[in-house]
Amino acid sequence: MGYRNPTLTEIFAEVYLEADSLTEAKFFEVVPQLQELGFTEVEFSPGGLSLDFRPGRMGSPREKQLVRCWKPGRQELAQVGEDLFVVNLMGSYPGWARFLTLFEKGIGALNRGLGVARIRSLSLRTIDRFEIPRDGFVVSDYLNTSGQVIPKWYENCRESLDLTMGRGFLDSDGRNRLVNVAVRANVDPVVLAIQASFHDVVSSASQLSNVLERLHGESNQTFESLITNRTRSEVMGGVVS
């Protein structure tokens, strides 16, 4: 099942590895494997700051590196960072099957480069955006304010809003869930964006695909609980089997 006008603009699978299992020195073991898969447009990008807290050394900041490997057309992206591997799909959403294939090929490249990737956790992140005419706009026409996530307090809201919710700590609970809903009603058309993250500890690499499928199911259920039938029919064009 899917929609005629899917709104998903970005989907990320972020694989976090055990400490020091993917160092900058090992990037060049993984990147050639990705290039063989067609990720031929390679660029470096800042990957944030790291502090060195080893005994006897002061915690001086160090700029981490991120290698971004694109396929031509720049809709399919694999990113290699320190103890981090990310697969992205951007633009018009072609369906879960294509993303899953992209992810599995990417993990294959990671394993060939490292031997066996020592995986700690997996996060599935999605970003959905759509535009709605401003005339007569009210939040409850497009977002479910009587469901399990969005409070009824927003039912008659016609203004801009930001709502961020989270559950769980990865280290203590083995899972973390984040949902952010943003509405910008001061522009025409109104812009509505939903960002969600579903992050679980992975006990073994062999479970990776099963965990990803489970997170995808939870992601779908959460998204469907956030929107209304009007959003499904008018914005997303209705369901196609």
Protein backbone atom coordinates (compact mmCIF):
# COMPACT_ATOMS: atom_id res chain seq x y z
CA MET A 1 0.00 0.00 0.00
CA GLY A 2 1.18 3.54 -0.74
CA TYR A 3 -0.01 7.01 -1.69
CA ARG A 4 -0.33 8.61 -5.12
CA ASN A 5 1.55 11.69 -3.92
CA PRO A 6 3.99 10.48 -1.25
CA THR A 7 5.33 13.33 0.89
CA LEU A 8 8.50 11.74 2.15
CA THR A 9 11.48 13.84 1.13
CA GLU A 10 14.29 12.16 3.10
CA ILE A 11 14.89 8.82 4.78
CA PHE A 12 18.05 7.87 6.69
CA ALA A 13 19.33 4.62 8.16
CA GLU A 14 22.14 5.42 10.60
CA VAL A 15 24.34 2.53 11.71
CA TYR A 16 26.41 3.23 14.82
CA LEU A 17 29.44 1.00 15.32
CA GLU A 18 31.44 0.01 18.37
CA ALA A 19 34.10 2.53 19.39
CA ASP A 20 37.21 2.61 17.17
CA SER A 21 35.86 0.01 14.75
CA LEU A 22 35.58 2.58 11.92
CA THR A 23 38.38 5.12 12.23
CA GLU A 24 39.32 7.76 9.66
CA ALA A 25 42.22 5.53 8.60
CA LYS A 26 39.69 2.85 7.63
CA PHE A 27 37.51 5.17 5.54
CA PHE A 28 39.56 4.26 2.50
CA GLU A 29 38.80 0.58 3.01
CA VAL A 30 35.06 1.30 2.79
CA VAL A 31 34.82 4.11 0.22
CA PRO A 32 36.24 2.07 -2.72
CA GLN A 33 33.62 -0.61 -2.00
CA LEU A 34 30.91 2.05 -2.27
CA GLN A 35 32.38 3.39 -5.50
CA GLU A 36 32.08 -0.08 -7.00
CA LEU A 37 28.34 0.10 -6.25
CA GLY A 38 28.02 3.35 -8.21
CA PHE A 39 28.55 5.89 -5.40
CA THR A 40 31.11 7.62 -7.57
CA GLU A 41 30.74 11.29 -6.54
CA VAL A 42 32.88 11.53 -3.40
CA GLU A 43 33.30 14.61 -1.21
CA PHE A 44 34.54 15.45 2.28
CA SER A 45 32.37 17.24 4.81
CA PRO A 46 32.82 18.33 8.45
CA GLY A 47 31.61 15.63 10.82
CA GLY A 48 31.48 17.61 14.06
CA LEU A 49 33.94 17.96 16.92
CA SER A 50 35.56 15.22 18.98
CA LEU A 51 37.40 15.59 22.31
CA ASP A 52 40.43 13.48 23.16
CA PHE A 53 40.10 12.39 26.81
CA ARG A 54 42.87 9.82 26.93
CA PRO A 55 44.83 9.67 30.23
CA GLY A 56 47.55 12.29 30.44
CA ARG A 57 46.12 14.43 27.67
CA MET A 58 44.00 17.52 27.78
CA GLY A 59 40.59 17.33 26.10
CA SER A 60 41.43 19.34 23.02
CA PRO A 61 38.76 19.52 20.27
CA ARG A 62 39.36 17.85 16.93
CA GLU A 63 37.30 18.29 13.76
CA LYS A 64 36.01 14.92 12.60
CA GLN A 65 35.65 14.12 8.92
CA LEU A 66 32.68 12.72 7.03
CA VAL A 67 32.95 11.22 3.55
CA ARG A 68 29.82 11.65 1.43
CA CYS A 69 29.46 9.27 -1.51
CA TRP A 70 26.69 10.11 -3.99
CA LYS A 71 25.26 8.21 -6.90
CA PRO A 72 24.79 10.34 -10.03
CA GLY A 73 21.57 12.34 -9.73
CA ARG A 74 22.23 12.96 -6.03
CA GLN A 75 19.23 11.15 -4.62
CA GLU A 76 21.11 8.15 -3.21
CA LEU A 77 23.84 8.85 -0.64
CA ALA A 78 26.13 6.82 1.60
CA GLN A 79 28.08 8.57 4.35
CA VAL A 80 31.10 7.26 6.21
CA GLY A 81 32.08 8.82 9.53
CA GLU A 82 33.92 7.78 12.66
CA ASP A 83 32.06 4.70 13.92
CA LEU A 84 29.12 5.78 11.77
CA PHE A 85 27.66 4.62 8.47
CA VAL A 86 24.58 6.30 6.98
CA VAL A 87 22.44 5.47 3.96
CA ASN A 88 20.18 8.28 2.69
CA LEU A 89 17.46 8.49 0.08
CA MET A 90 16.29 11.96 -0.92
CA GLY A 91 13.69 13.47 -3.22
CA SER A 92 10.49 11.82 -4.38
CA TYR A 93 10.08 8.66 -2.32
CA PRO A 94 10.32 5.57 -4.57
CA GLY A 95 9.12 3.12 -1.94
CA TRP A 96 10.51 1.04 0.91
CA ALA A 97 11.73 -1.82 -1.29
CA ARG A 98 14.17 0.45 -3.12
CA PHE A 99 15.49 1.93 0.10
CA LEU A 100 15.91 -1.52 1.66
CA THR A 101 17.90 -2.67 -1.38
CA LEU A 102 20.08 0.44 -1.13
CA PHE A 103 20.66 -0.18 2.58
CA GLU A 104 21.55 -3.85 2.17
CA LYS A 105 24.03 -3.07 -0.61
CA GLY A 106 25.57 -0.35 1.53
CA ILE A 107 25.96 -2.70 4.51
CA GLY A 108 27.57 -5.23 2.18
CA ALA A 109 30.14 -2.61 1.16
CA LEU A 110 30.75 -1.72 4.82
CA ASN A 111 31.36 -5.37 5.74
CA ARG A 112 33.68 -5.93 2.80
CA GLY A 113 35.69 -2.90 3.80
CA LEU A 114 35.94 -3.70 7.52
CA GLY A 115 35.81 -7.49 7.43
CA VAL A 116 32.94 -7.70 9.91
CA ALA A 117 31.28 -4.50 11.09
CA ARG A 118 30.79 -4.43 14.88
CA ILE A 119 27.39 -2.75 15.11
CA ARG A 120 26.09 -1.10 18.30
CA SER A 121 22.76 0.44 17.26
CA LEU A 122 20.54 1.40 14.34
CA SER A 123 18.41 4.51 13.82
CA LEU A 124 15.75 5.07 11.15
CA ARG A 125 14.97 8.75 10.56
CA THR A 126 12.35 10.22 8.26
CA ILE A 127 11.45 13.75 7.18
CA ASP A 128 8.05 14.42 5.61
CA ARG A 129 7.09 17.85 4.28
CA PHE A 130 3.98 19.07 2.52
CA GLU A 131 2.30 22.34 1.65
CA ILE A 132 -1.29 23.32 2.40
CA PRO A 133 -3.30 26.36 1.21
CA ARG A 134 -3.33 29.04 3.88
CA ASP A 135 -6.93 30.13 3.34
CA GLY A 136 -9.08 28.55 6.07
CA PHE A 137 -6.16 26.54 7.46
CA VAL A 138 -6.63 24.93 10.87
CA VAL A 139 -4.25 22.33 12.33
CA SER A 140 -6.88 19.69 13.13
CA ASP A 141 -7.91 19.46 9.47
CA TYR A 142 -4.52 17.97 8.63
CA LEU A 143 -3.06 16.65 11.90
CA ASN A 144 -4.80 14.24 14.24
CA THR A 145 -5.20 16.19 17.46
CA SER A 146 -7.25 13.47 19.13
CA GLY A 147 -4.74 10.66 18.61
CA GLN A 148 -1.91 9.26 20.71
CA VAL A 149 0.75 11.86 19.92
CA ILE A 150 -0.58 15.39 19.28
CA PRO A 151 -2.48 16.98 22.21
CA LYS A 152 -6.04 18.21 21.73
CA TRP A 153 -4.77 21.65 22.80
CA TYR A 154 -3.70 22.17 19.16
CA GLU A 155 -7.15 21.35 17.73
CA ASN A 156 -8.18 24.90 16.79
CA CYS A 157 -4.67 26.20 16.23
CA ARG A 158 -4.22 28.39 13.14
CA GLU A 159 -0.77 29.68 14.10
CA SER A 160 2.70 28.31 13.61
CA LEU A 161 3.72 25.61 16.07
CA ASP A 162 6.61 23.40 17.16
CA LEU A 163 6.04 20.18 19.05
CA THR A 164 8.90 17.88 20.07
CA MET A 165 8.41 14.62 21.97
CA GLY A 166 10.88 11.98 23.07
CA ARG A 167 10.89 8.64 24.88
CA GLY A 168 13.68 6.47 26.20
CA PHE A 169 17.46 6.67 26.59
CA LEU A 170 19.42 4.37 24.33
CA ASP A 171 22.04 3.34 26.90
CA SER A 172 19.60 2.51 29.70
CA ASP A 173 16.42 1.54 27.82
CA GLY A 174 17.87 0.11 24.63
CA ARG A 175 15.70 2.40 22.54
CA ASN A 176 14.93 6.05 21.84
CA ARG A 177 12.00 7.66 20.03
CA LEU A 178 11.79 11.27 18.86
CA VAL A 179 8.99 13.02 16.98
CA ASN A 180 9.01 16.66 15.89
CA VAL A 181 6.03 18.36 14.26
CA ALA A 182 6.49 21.86 12.86
CA VAL A 183 3.88 24.09 11.20
CA ARG A 184 4.73 27.39 9.57
CA ALA A 185 1.42 29.21 9.10
CA ASN A 186 2.90 32.66 8.46
CA VAL A 187 3.56 31.78 4.81
CA ASP A 188 1.31 30.83 1.92
CA PRO A 189 1.11 27.94 1.36
CA VAL A 190 1.44 26.70 4.93
CA VAL A 191 4.41 24.36 5.39
CA LEU A 192 3.98 21.28 7.58
CA ALA A 193 6.96 19.07 8.44
CA ILE A 194 7.17 15.87 10.46
CA GLN A 195 10.55 14.52 11.54
CA ALA A 196 10.81 11.22 13.39
CA SER A 197 13.64 9.04 14.69
CA PHE A 198 13.43 5.42 15.84
CA HIS A 199 16.68 4.21 17.41
CA ASP A 200 17.35 0.73 18.86
CA VAL A 201 20.35 -1.14 20.21
CA VAL A 202 21.33 -4.04 17.94
CA SER A 203 22.68 -7.09 19.76
CA SER A 204 24.19 -8.74 16.67
CA ALA A 205 24.88 -7.78 13.05
CA SER A 206 22.69 -10.64 11.84
CA GLN A 207 19.65 -8.88 13.35
CA LEU A 208 20.23 -5.65 11.44
CA SER A 209 17.69 -6.19 8.65
CA ASN A 210 15.04 -7.46 11.08
CA VAL A 211 15.52 -4.42 13.33
CA LEU A 212 15.28 -2.09 10.34
CA GLU A 213 12.02 -3.71 9.20
CA ARG A 214 10.58 -3.39 12.69
CA LEU A 215 11.57 0.27 12.94
CA HIS A 216 10.02 0.89 9.53
CA GLY A 217 6.73 -0.63 10.70
CA GLU A 218 6.74 1.54 13.81
CA SER A 219 7.62 4.59 11.73
CA ASN A 220 4.66 3.98 9.42
CA GLN A 221 2.26 3.49 12.32
CA THR A 222 3.42 6.70 13.96
CA PHE A 223 3.08 8.73 10.77
CA GLU A 224 -0.41 7.39 10.11
CA SER A 225 -1.43 8.26 13.67
CA LEU A 226 -0.33 11.86 13.10
CA ILE A 227 -2.28 12.70 9.95
CA THR A 228 -5.99 12.93 9.11
CA ASN A 229 -8.07 11.46 6.30
CA ARG A 230 -8.12 14.89 4.67
CA THR A 231 -4.32 14.83 4.50
CA ARG A 232 -4.44 11.33 3.02
CA SER A 233 -6.96 12.23 0.35
CA GLU A 234 -6.20 15.87 -0.54
CA VAL A 235 -2.49 16.20 0.11
CA MET A 236 -1.27 12.67 -0.55
CA GLY A 237 -3.67 11.83 -3.35
CA GLY A 238 -5.33 8.83 -1.72
CA VAL A 239 -4.18 5.25 -1.30
CA VAL A 240 -3.03 3.02 -4.13
CA SER A 241 -2.59 -0.72 -3.63
